[in-house]
């Protein structure tokens, strides 16, 4: 059996060296990765079929593209977090087509095609703006500048003054996660003067998720927000990490439904994702993850992960999940055949250990973003400090191909088929 597996491995290696990969139908759309180098003005486009750097785009005068977020089938926003501006990249033409001035440094975007708007929240201020998809102009500004910042000594999640913004289904209302004042604001896109409603959070909040069946066509219904918890698990002055389920009604009321709390010893939490239409998977910093039933908001099980467990991605066809461990050298592969009770399958080393200096600087070993290809077999992401884009073949449990990027710290990006 070992010899047969080795022959299979050699056959796969021959295919890889011959230029074939997961996406080897030349008539099919290609999968591209778009990543930014935070230490420069460079945005990279990687062709995953050829596993090579396809183009480098420069966002100057905007600096520090921490990540890239696609908003149409031809354009993406580069999150130039070192500048009070944001750059628009046309990834089909391989050029930066606009640099838009902002009243803050950008944190993240969300796109509403129904509204024809991109929502940009603030890194340096608990604010947001809407930008036209077509005209690249700022339409409205929401929130007020403040001389306060996130209390990074107490709360997990870093110094961004907002979490990820979120559009409701009506394309009219959106959520702004104010991490300075520990509030979630509900806004109307045409009423920047004051929020429609607000909801308190007991720690900083990171992002909101929902399912189509959880709300109506207007967006009234149930939502789930990650509560990041304490920076230091020994700090009892900050509540534990968790997931708060909350409800928005047709009269713009907002209220907490029920909150799941992780063990305080688990430390901070970063990201959650639904699986099997029912379960919220929540990795935490101190090497444990939780599976939470959305109906009861109670844990059905826990699962192991590495230091700095953050994001998780699922392959439906392979019945596996891969956990990004931001402070560790490996990703954790889970068997999710039973969604309520995942089992660790293996660990795959993808990055070099962080140095003491990198840890002190708050750097991550592994990217915030990753994806499975359409087959569900191949997984793509980046080792940040190694500036290494890689492909994992989950059939064999190893890195099958790599592409080194010319940057120095490549923390976040997006993926697009075309």
Protein backbone atom coordinates (compact mmCIF):
# COMPACT_ATOMS: atom_id res chain seq x y z
CA UNK A 1 0.00 0.00 0.00
CA UNK A 2 2.85 2.39 0.83
CA UNK A 3 4.46 1.65 -2.54
CA UNK A 4 1.17 2.28 -4.36
CA UNK A 5 0.74 5.61 -2.56
CA UNK A 6 4.30 6.55 -3.53
CA UNK A 7 3.59 5.79 -7.19
CA UNK A 8 0.52 7.98 -6.97
CA UNK A 9 2.62 10.75 -5.46
CA UNK A 10 5.20 10.47 -8.24
CA UNK A 11 2.47 10.61 -10.85
CA UNK A 12 1.05 13.73 -9.25
CA UNK A 13 4.47 15.34 -9.12
CA UNK A 14 4.89 14.72 -12.84
CA UNK A 15 1.59 16.44 -13.51
CA UNK A 16 2.57 19.40 -11.34
CA UNK A 17 5.96 19.77 -13.00
CA UNK A 18 4.23 19.60 -16.34
CA UNK A 19 2.18 22.66 -15.47
CA UNK A 20 -1.06 20.88 -14.61
CA UNK A 21 -2.86 21.58 -11.36
CA UNK A 22 -6.30 21.60 -9.86
CA UNK A 23 -7.72 23.78 -12.60
CA UNK A 24 -6.39 22.01 -15.70
CA UNK A 25 -9.33 22.51 -18.08
CA UNK A 26 -7.96 25.32 -20.23
CA UNK A 27 -11.47 26.31 -21.36
CA UNK A 28 -12.69 26.81 -17.78
CA UNK A 29 -12.39 30.08 -15.83
CA UNK A 30 -9.10 30.38 -13.99
CA UNK A 31 -8.81 30.91 -10.26
CA UNK A 32 -6.70 33.94 -9.34
CA UNK A 33 -5.48 35.06 -5.94
CA UNK A 34 -5.19 38.78 -5.18
CA UNK A 35 -2.97 39.76 -2.25
CA UNK A 36 -1.41 42.94 -0.91
CA UNK A 37 2.03 43.59 0.60
CA UNK A 38 1.51 45.70 3.72
CA UNK A 39 5.10 46.99 3.65
CA UNK A 40 4.85 48.56 0.19
CA UNK A 41 2.33 49.72 -2.42
CA UNK A 42 2.24 46.39 -4.25
CA UNK A 43 -0.79 44.23 -5.06
CA UNK A 44 -0.10 40.77 -6.50
CA UNK A 45 -2.23 38.67 -8.83
CA UNK A 46 -1.40 34.96 -8.75
CA UNK A 47 -2.52 32.52 -11.43
CA UNK A 48 -3.25 29.32 -9.51
CA UNK A 49 -3.39 27.13 -12.62
CA UNK A 50 0.15 28.07 -13.62
CA UNK A 51 1.11 28.74 -9.97
CA UNK A 52 2.99 31.90 -10.82
CA UNK A 53 2.86 35.63 -10.18
CA UNK A 54 0.77 36.93 -13.05
CA UNK A 55 0.94 40.69 -12.38
CA UNK A 56 2.08 43.31 -9.86
CA UNK A 57 0.09 46.52 -9.47
CA UNK A 58 1.15 49.65 -7.56
CA UNK A 59 -1.35 51.60 -5.45
CA UNK A 60 0.81 54.69 -4.91
CA UNK A 61 0.19 57.31 -3.58
CA UNK A 62 -1.91 55.02 -1.35
CA UNK A 63 0.34 52.83 0.79
CA UNK A 64 0.17 49.60 2.73
CA UNK A 65 -2.35 47.35 0.94
CA UNK A 66 -3.08 45.02 3.85
CA UNK A 67 -5.54 43.05 1.76
CA UNK A 68 -7.65 43.06 -1.38
CA UNK A 69 -11.43 42.61 -1.54
CA UNK A 70 -13.26 41.98 -4.82
CA UNK A 71 -16.44 43.98 -5.40
CA UNK A 72 -17.22 43.18 -9.06
CA UNK A 73 -16.08 40.72 -11.72
CA UNK A 74 -13.40 43.17 -12.85
CA UNK A 75 -12.53 45.41 -9.88
CA UNK A 76 -11.32 45.05 -6.31
CA UNK A 77 -10.49 47.44 -3.48
CA UNK A 78 -6.96 47.34 -2.09
CA UNK A 79 -7.17 48.11 1.64
CA UNK A 80 -4.33 50.64 1.79
CA UNK A 81 -4.32 50.90 5.57
CA UNK A 82 -1.26 53.14 5.82
CA UNK A 83 -3.06 55.96 3.95
CA UNK A 84 -6.30 57.92 4.29
CA UNK A 85 -7.34 56.64 0.90
CA UNK A 86 -8.29 53.41 -0.82
CA UNK A 87 -7.18 52.07 -4.20
CA UNK A 88 -9.35 50.47 -6.88
CA UNK A 89 -7.69 47.68 -8.85
CA UNK A 90 -8.89 46.43 -12.23
CA UNK A 91 -7.54 42.88 -12.10
CA UNK A 92 -8.48 42.10 -15.71
CA UNK A 93 -6.40 45.01 -17.00
CA UNK A 94 -3.78 44.62 -14.25
CA UNK A 95 -3.86 48.28 -13.29
CA UNK A 96 -4.93 50.61 -10.50
CA UNK A 97 -7.79 52.71 -11.90
CA UNK A 98 -8.52 55.03 -8.96
CA UNK A 99 -7.23 56.20 -5.59
CA UNK A 100 -10.10 57.58 -3.50
CA UNK A 101 -9.51 59.96 -0.59
CA UNK A 102 -11.16 58.99 2.70
CA UNK A 103 -11.63 60.69 6.09
CA UNK A 104 -9.84 57.74 7.72
CA UNK A 105 -7.53 54.84 7.00
CA UNK A 106 -9.60 51.93 5.62
CA UNK A 107 -10.32 48.71 7.47
CA UNK A 108 -12.60 46.55 5.27
CA UNK A 109 -15.28 46.69 2.59
CA UNK A 110 -18.68 45.18 1.86
CA UNK A 111 -20.47 45.43 -1.48
CA UNK A 112 -24.18 45.79 -2.22
CA UNK A 113 -24.89 45.28 -5.91
CA UNK A 114 -28.52 46.11 -5.21
CA UNK A 115 -27.46 49.54 -3.95
CA UNK A 116 -24.58 49.94 -6.40
CA UNK A 117 -22.37 50.84 -3.43
CA UNK A 118 -19.24 49.67 -1.68
CA UNK A 119 -19.23 50.23 2.07
CA UNK A 120 -15.81 51.01 3.57
CA UNK A 121 -15.28 50.99 7.34
CA UNK A 122 -12.47 52.71 9.19
CA UNK A 123 -9.23 51.44 10.66
CA UNK A 124 -8.29 54.78 12.26
CA UNK A 125 -11.83 56.02 13.04
CA UNK A 126 -15.11 54.28 14.01
CA UNK A 127 -16.64 55.53 10.78
CA UNK A 128 -17.72 54.36 7.32
CA UNK A 129 -18.32 55.75 3.84
CA UNK A 130 -20.27 54.54 0.84
CA UNK A 131 -18.57 54.62 -2.56
CA UNK A 132 -20.27 54.19 -5.93
CA UNK A 133 -19.31 51.00 -7.73
CA UNK A 134 -19.32 52.79 -11.08
CA UNK A 135 -18.34 56.39 -10.28
CA UNK A 136 -15.70 55.65 -7.58
CA UNK A 137 -17.00 58.67 -5.64
CA UNK A 138 -17.71 58.92 -1.90
CA UNK A 139 -21.48 59.29 -1.53
CA UNK A 140 -22.06 59.54 2.24
CA UNK A 141 -20.03 59.51 5.45
CA UNK A 142 -21.27 57.82 8.63
CA UNK A 143 -20.11 58.15 12.24
CA UNK A 144 -17.95 60.77 13.90
CA UNK A 145 -14.19 61.07 14.31
CA UNK A 146 -12.85 60.58 17.81
CA UNK A 147 -9.56 60.91 19.65
CA UNK A 148 -10.20 57.48 21.20
CA UNK A 149 -8.85 54.18 19.94
CA UNK A 150 -9.56 50.54 20.64
CA UNK A 151 -8.16 49.45 24.00
CA UNK A 152 -5.71 46.94 22.54
CA UNK A 153 -4.23 46.24 25.94
CA UNK A 154 -7.52 44.63 27.02
CA UNK A 155 -9.42 43.50 23.94
CA UNK A 156 -8.41 40.89 21.40
CA UNK A 157 -8.28 41.69 17.70
CA UNK A 158 -5.84 44.55 17.22
CA UNK A 159 -6.22 48.26 16.67
CA UNK A 160 -8.82 48.53 13.92
CA UNK A 161 -11.52 50.91 15.18
CA UNK A 162 -14.28 49.04 13.35
CA UNK A 163 -15.08 45.45 12.55
CA UNK A 164 -16.11 44.24 9.12
CA UNK A 165 -19.08 46.22 7.72
CA UNK A 166 -22.19 44.30 6.68
CA UNK A 167 -25.06 45.07 4.27
CA UNK A 168 -28.58 43.85 4.96
CA UNK A 169 -30.48 42.15 2.12
CA UNK A 170 -32.52 45.25 1.27
CA UNK A 171 -29.40 47.09 0.07
CA UNK A 172 -30.58 50.05 2.14
CA UNK A 173 -29.47 49.27 5.68
CA UNK A 174 -26.06 48.22 6.94
CA UNK A 175 -24.26 47.38 10.17
CA UNK A 176 -21.24 49.30 11.43
CA UNK A 177 -19.28 47.55 14.20
CA UNK A 178 -17.81 50.27 16.43
CA UNK A 179 -14.98 48.59 18.34
CA UNK A 180 -14.06 51.79 20.24
CA UNK A 181 -17.42 52.26 21.94
CA UNK A 182 -18.40 48.54 21.92
CA UNK A 183 -21.55 49.04 19.85
CA UNK A 184 -23.19 47.75 16.67
CA UNK A 185 -24.95 50.53 14.76
CA UNK A 186 -27.72 50.00 12.21
CA UNK A 187 -27.66 52.70 9.52
CA UNK A 188 -29.75 53.68 6.52
CA UNK A 189 -27.51 54.39 3.52
CA UNK A 190 -29.40 57.67 2.84
CA UNK A 191 -29.46 58.90 6.44
CA UNK A 192 -25.89 59.52 7.60
CA UNK A 193 -26.93 61.94 10.34
CA UNK A 194 -27.86 59.29 12.93
CA UNK A 195 -28.13 55.50 13.23
CA UNK A 196 -31.51 53.79 13.13
CA UNK A 197 -30.62 51.64 16.15
CA UNK A 198 -27.71 50.43 18.25
CA UNK A 199 -26.78 47.35 20.23
CA UNK A 200 -24.14 47.04 22.95
CA UNK A 201 -21.43 44.37 22.87
CA UNK A 202 -19.51 43.38 25.97
CA UNK A 203 -16.21 43.10 24.08
CA UNK A 204 -14.98 44.26 20.70
CA UNK A 205 -16.85 42.67 17.79
CA UNK A 206 -15.19 41.34 14.66
CA UNK A 207 -17.74 40.41 12.00
CA UNK A 208 -21.35 39.38 11.31
CA UNK A 209 -22.64 36.25 9.58
CA UNK A 210 -26.09 34.93 8.72
CA UNK A 211 -27.83 32.45 6.43
CA UNK A 212 -30.45 33.25 3.73
CA UNK A 213 -33.12 31.36 5.64
CA UNK A 214 -32.41 33.36 8.80
CA UNK A 215 -33.97 36.58 7.49
CA UNK A 216 -36.62 37.82 5.05
CA UNK A 217 -36.09 39.55 1.70
CA UNK A 218 -35.66 42.90 3.44
CA UNK A 219 -33.07 41.57 5.87
CA UNK A 220 -35.24 41.40 8.97
CA UNK A 221 -34.28 38.38 11.04
CA UNK A 222 -31.38 36.79 12.89
CA UNK A 223 -27.67 37.57 12.73
CA UNK A 224 -24.56 36.32 14.53
CA UNK A 225 -21.59 38.45 15.58
CA UNK A 226 -18.21 37.28 16.89
CA UNK A 227 -17.30 38.78 20.27
CA UNK A 228 -13.51 38.86 20.35
CA UNK A 229 -12.97 38.57 24.10
CA UNK A 230 -9.79 39.34 26.06
CA UNK A 231 -6.33 39.89 24.66
CA UNK A 232 -4.98 38.07 27.72
CA UNK A 233 -6.91 35.02 28.88
CA UNK A 234 -5.75 35.82 32.42
CA UNK A 235 -7.47 39.23 32.34
CA UNK A 236 -10.76 38.65 34.14
CA UNK A 237 -11.85 42.27 33.60
CA UNK A 238 -12.84 41.43 30.02
CA UNK A 239 -15.57 38.91 29.29
CA UNK A 240 -14.89 35.75 27.30
CA UNK A 241 -15.03 35.43 23.54
CA UNK A 242 -18.19 34.12 21.95
CA UNK A 243 -20.96 34.52 19.40
CA UNK A 244 -23.97 36.75 20.00
CA UNK A 245 -27.17 35.98 18.14
CA UNK A 246 -29.23 39.13 17.62
CA UNK A 247 -32.42 40.09 15.81
CA UNK A 248 -33.37 43.02 13.58
CA UNK A 249 -37.09 43.66 13.01
CA UNK A 250 -39.09 45.58 10.42
CA UNK A 251 -39.23 48.62 12.73
CA UNK A 252 -35.42 48.68 12.91
CA UNK A 253 -35.37 47.30 16.42
CA UNK A 254 -32.24 45.41 17.47
CA UNK A 255 -32.02 43.04 20.40
CA UNK A 256 -29.86 40.22 21.68
CA UNK A 257 -31.44 36.77 21.37
CA UNK A 258 -28.81 34.58 23.05
CA UNK A 259 -25.04 34.52 23.38
CA UNK A 260 -22.65 31.57 23.40
CA UNK A 261 -19.53 32.13 25.48
CA UNK A 262 -16.30 30.18 25.10
CA UNK A 263 -14.20 29.30 28.10
CA UNK A 264 -12.30 32.35 29.31
CA UNK A 265 -9.13 30.24 29.14
CA UNK A 266 -9.61 29.92 25.38
CA UNK A 267 -8.57 33.55 24.95
CA UNK A 268 -9.65 35.68 22.02
CA UNK A 269 -11.70 34.67 18.98
CA UNK A 270 -11.42 36.06 15.51
CA UNK A 271 -13.73 34.46 12.96
CA UNK A 272 -16.64 32.09 12.58
CA UNK A 273 -18.22 30.33 9.64
CA UNK A 274 -21.39 28.29 9.12
CA UNK A 275 -21.31 24.67 8.05
CA UNK A 276 -24.14 22.31 7.11
CA UNK A 277 -26.66 25.14 7.46
CA UNK A 278 -26.72 24.82 11.22
CA UNK A 279 -23.35 24.90 12.95
CA UNK A 280 -21.06 27.83 13.69
CA UNK A 281 -17.39 26.84 13.93
CA UNK A 282 -15.35 29.15 16.18
CA UNK A 283 -11.57 28.64 16.54
CA UNK A 284 -9.93 30.51 19.44
CA UNK A 285 -6.46 31.75 20.24
CA UNK A 286 -5.50 29.08 22.77
CA UNK A 287 -5.74 25.99 20.56
CA UNK A 288 -9.39 25.03 20.98
CA UNK A 289 -12.37 25.52 18.70
CA UNK A 290 -16.11 25.27 19.33
CA UNK A 291 -19.02 23.95 17.28
CA UNK A 292 -22.13 25.98 18.15
CA UNK A 293 -25.69 25.00 17.20
CA UNK A 294 -27.35 28.17 15.87
CA UNK A 295 -30.76 27.14 17.21
CA UNK A 296 -29.73 26.52 20.81
CA UNK A 297 -26.58 28.71 20.82
CA UNK A 298 -24.85 25.99 22.78
CA UNK A 299 -21.72 23.99 21.93
CA UNK A 300 -22.16 20.50 20.54
CA UNK A 301 -18.42 19.76 20.70
CA UNK A 302 -14.92 21.21 20.64
CA UNK A 303 -12.04 20.59 18.23
CA UNK A 304 -8.27 21.12 18.41
CA UNK A 305 -6.47 23.85 16.51
CA UNK A 306 -3.09 25.57 16.69
CA UNK A 307 -1.94 28.71 18.43
CA UNK A 308 -3.88 31.70 17.18
CA UNK A 309 -6.72 29.68 15.65
CA UNK A 310 -8.52 32.14 13.41
CA UNK A 311 -10.27 31.38 10.13
CA UNK A 312 -11.83 28.13 8.91
CA UNK A 313 -12.77 26.95 5.41
CA UNK A 314 -14.82 23.94 4.35
CA UNK A 315 -14.72 21.52 1.45
CA UNK A 316 -18.19 20.00 1.02
CA UNK A 317 -16.99 17.42 -1.49
CA UNK A 318 -14.15 16.18 0.74
CA UNK A 319 -16.02 16.62 4.05
CA UNK A 320 -13.06 18.41 5.56
CA UNK A 321 -12.30 21.79 7.09
CA UNK A 322 -8.96 23.59 7.34
CA UNK A 323 -8.24 25.93 10.25
CA UNK A 324 -5.81 28.81 9.87
CA UNK A 325 -3.56 29.01 12.95
CA UNK A 326 -2.23 32.56 12.78
CA UNK A 327 0.60 32.19 15.30
CA UNK A 328 1.59 28.64 14.39
CA UNK A 329 3.46 26.82 11.65
CA UNK A 330 0.67 24.45 10.57
CA UNK A 331 -2.95 24.36 9.49
CA UNK A 332 -5.32 21.91 11.17
CA UNK A 333 -7.34 19.61 8.93
CA UNK A 334 -10.65 18.38 10.39
CA UNK A 335 -12.93 15.57 9.29
CA UNK A 336 -16.42 17.12 9.35
CA UNK A 337 -18.38 14.10 8.13
CA UNK A 338 -20.38 14.54 11.33
CA UNK A 339 -20.75 18.35 11.38
CA UNK A 340 -21.66 18.45 15.07
CA UNK A 341 -18.59 16.45 16.10
CA UNK A 342 -15.48 17.20 13.98
CA UNK A 343 -12.34 15.10 14.39
CA UNK A 344 -8.76 16.15 13.76
CA UNK A 345 -7.43 14.44 10.64
CA UNK A 346 -3.91 15.84 10.34
CA UNK A 347 -1.62 18.86 10.64
CA UNK A 348 0.12 20.29 7.57
CA UNK A 349 3.14 22.58 8.02
CA UNK A 350 2.82 25.69 5.85
CA UNK A 351 4.92 28.44 7.48
CA UNK A 352 8.13 29.12 9.36
CA UNK A 353 7.91 29.81 13.10
CA UNK A 354 7.46 33.46 14.01
CA UNK A 355 10.52 35.03 15.59
CA UNK A 356 10.24 36.70 19.01
CA UNK A 357 10.48 40.06 17.25
CA UNK A 358 7.64 39.18 14.86
CA UNK A 359 5.48 37.96 17.74
CA UNK A 360 6.13 41.19 19.66
CA UNK A 361 5.17 43.19 16.57
CA UNK A 362 1.85 41.32 16.39
CA UNK A 363 2.55 39.70 13.01
CA UNK A 364 0.82 36.53 11.86
CA UNK A 365 2.46 33.49 10.29
CA UNK A 366 -0.59 32.65 8.17
CA UNK A 367 -2.89 34.74 6.00
CA UNK A 368 -6.38 35.84 6.98
CA UNK A 369 -7.70 34.58 3.65
CA UNK A 370 -7.73 31.23 1.89
CA UNK A 371 -9.98 29.19 -0.39
CA UNK A 372 -10.68 25.74 -1.72
CA UNK A 373 -10.91 25.44 -5.49
CA UNK A 374 -14.17 24.29 -7.08
CA UNK A 375 -13.16 20.64 -6.88
CA UNK A 376 -12.82 20.94 -3.11
CA UNK A 377 -9.52 19.09 -3.23
CA UNK A 378 -7.00 21.94 -3.52
CA UNK A 379 -6.59 24.68 -0.92
CA UNK A 380 -4.79 28.00 -1.43
CA UNK A 381 -3.38 30.52 1.01
CA UNK A 382 -0.24 32.48 1.97
CA UNK A 383 2.43 32.21 4.64
CA UNK A 384 2.64 35.92 5.50
CA UNK A 385 6.23 36.47 6.61
CA UNK A 386 7.57 33.89 4.16
CA UNK A 387 5.64 35.72 1.38
CA UNK A 388 4.83 32.26 0.05
CA UNK A 389 1.61 31.50 -1.83
CA UNK A 390 0.93 27.77 -1.61
CA UNK A 391 -1.39 25.01 -2.76
CA UNK A 392 -2.32 22.08 -0.54
CA UNK A 393 -3.40 18.82 -2.15
CA UNK A 394 -5.76 17.48 0.51
CA UNK A 395 -5.74 13.98 -1.01
CA UNK A 396 -2.08 13.66 0.00
CA UNK A 397 -1.99 16.12 2.91
CA UNK A 398 0.95 18.16 1.69
CA UNK A 399 1.92 21.38 -0.05
CA UNK A 400 1.92 20.44 -3.72
CA UNK A 401 3.06 23.74 -5.27
CA UNK A 402 4.34 27.16 -4.17
CA UNK A 403 4.84 30.63 -5.62
CA UNK A 404 7.07 33.12 -3.82
CA UNK A 405 5.99 36.76 -3.90
CA UNK A 406 8.36 39.77 -3.94
CA UNK A 407 6.85 41.44 -0.85
CA UNK A 408 7.84 41.11 2.80
CA UNK A 409 4.51 40.79 4.66
CA UNK A 410 1.52 39.50 2.68
CA UNK A 411 -1.35 39.13 5.17
CA UNK A 412 -4.67 39.12 3.33
CA UNK A 413 -6.33 38.91 -0.07
CA UNK A 414 -9.21 37.56 -2.11
CA UNK A 415 -9.92 35.03 -4.86
CA UNK A 416 -11.78 35.36 -8.13
CA UNK A 417 -12.63 33.05 -11.03
CA UNK A 418 -12.66 34.51 -14.54
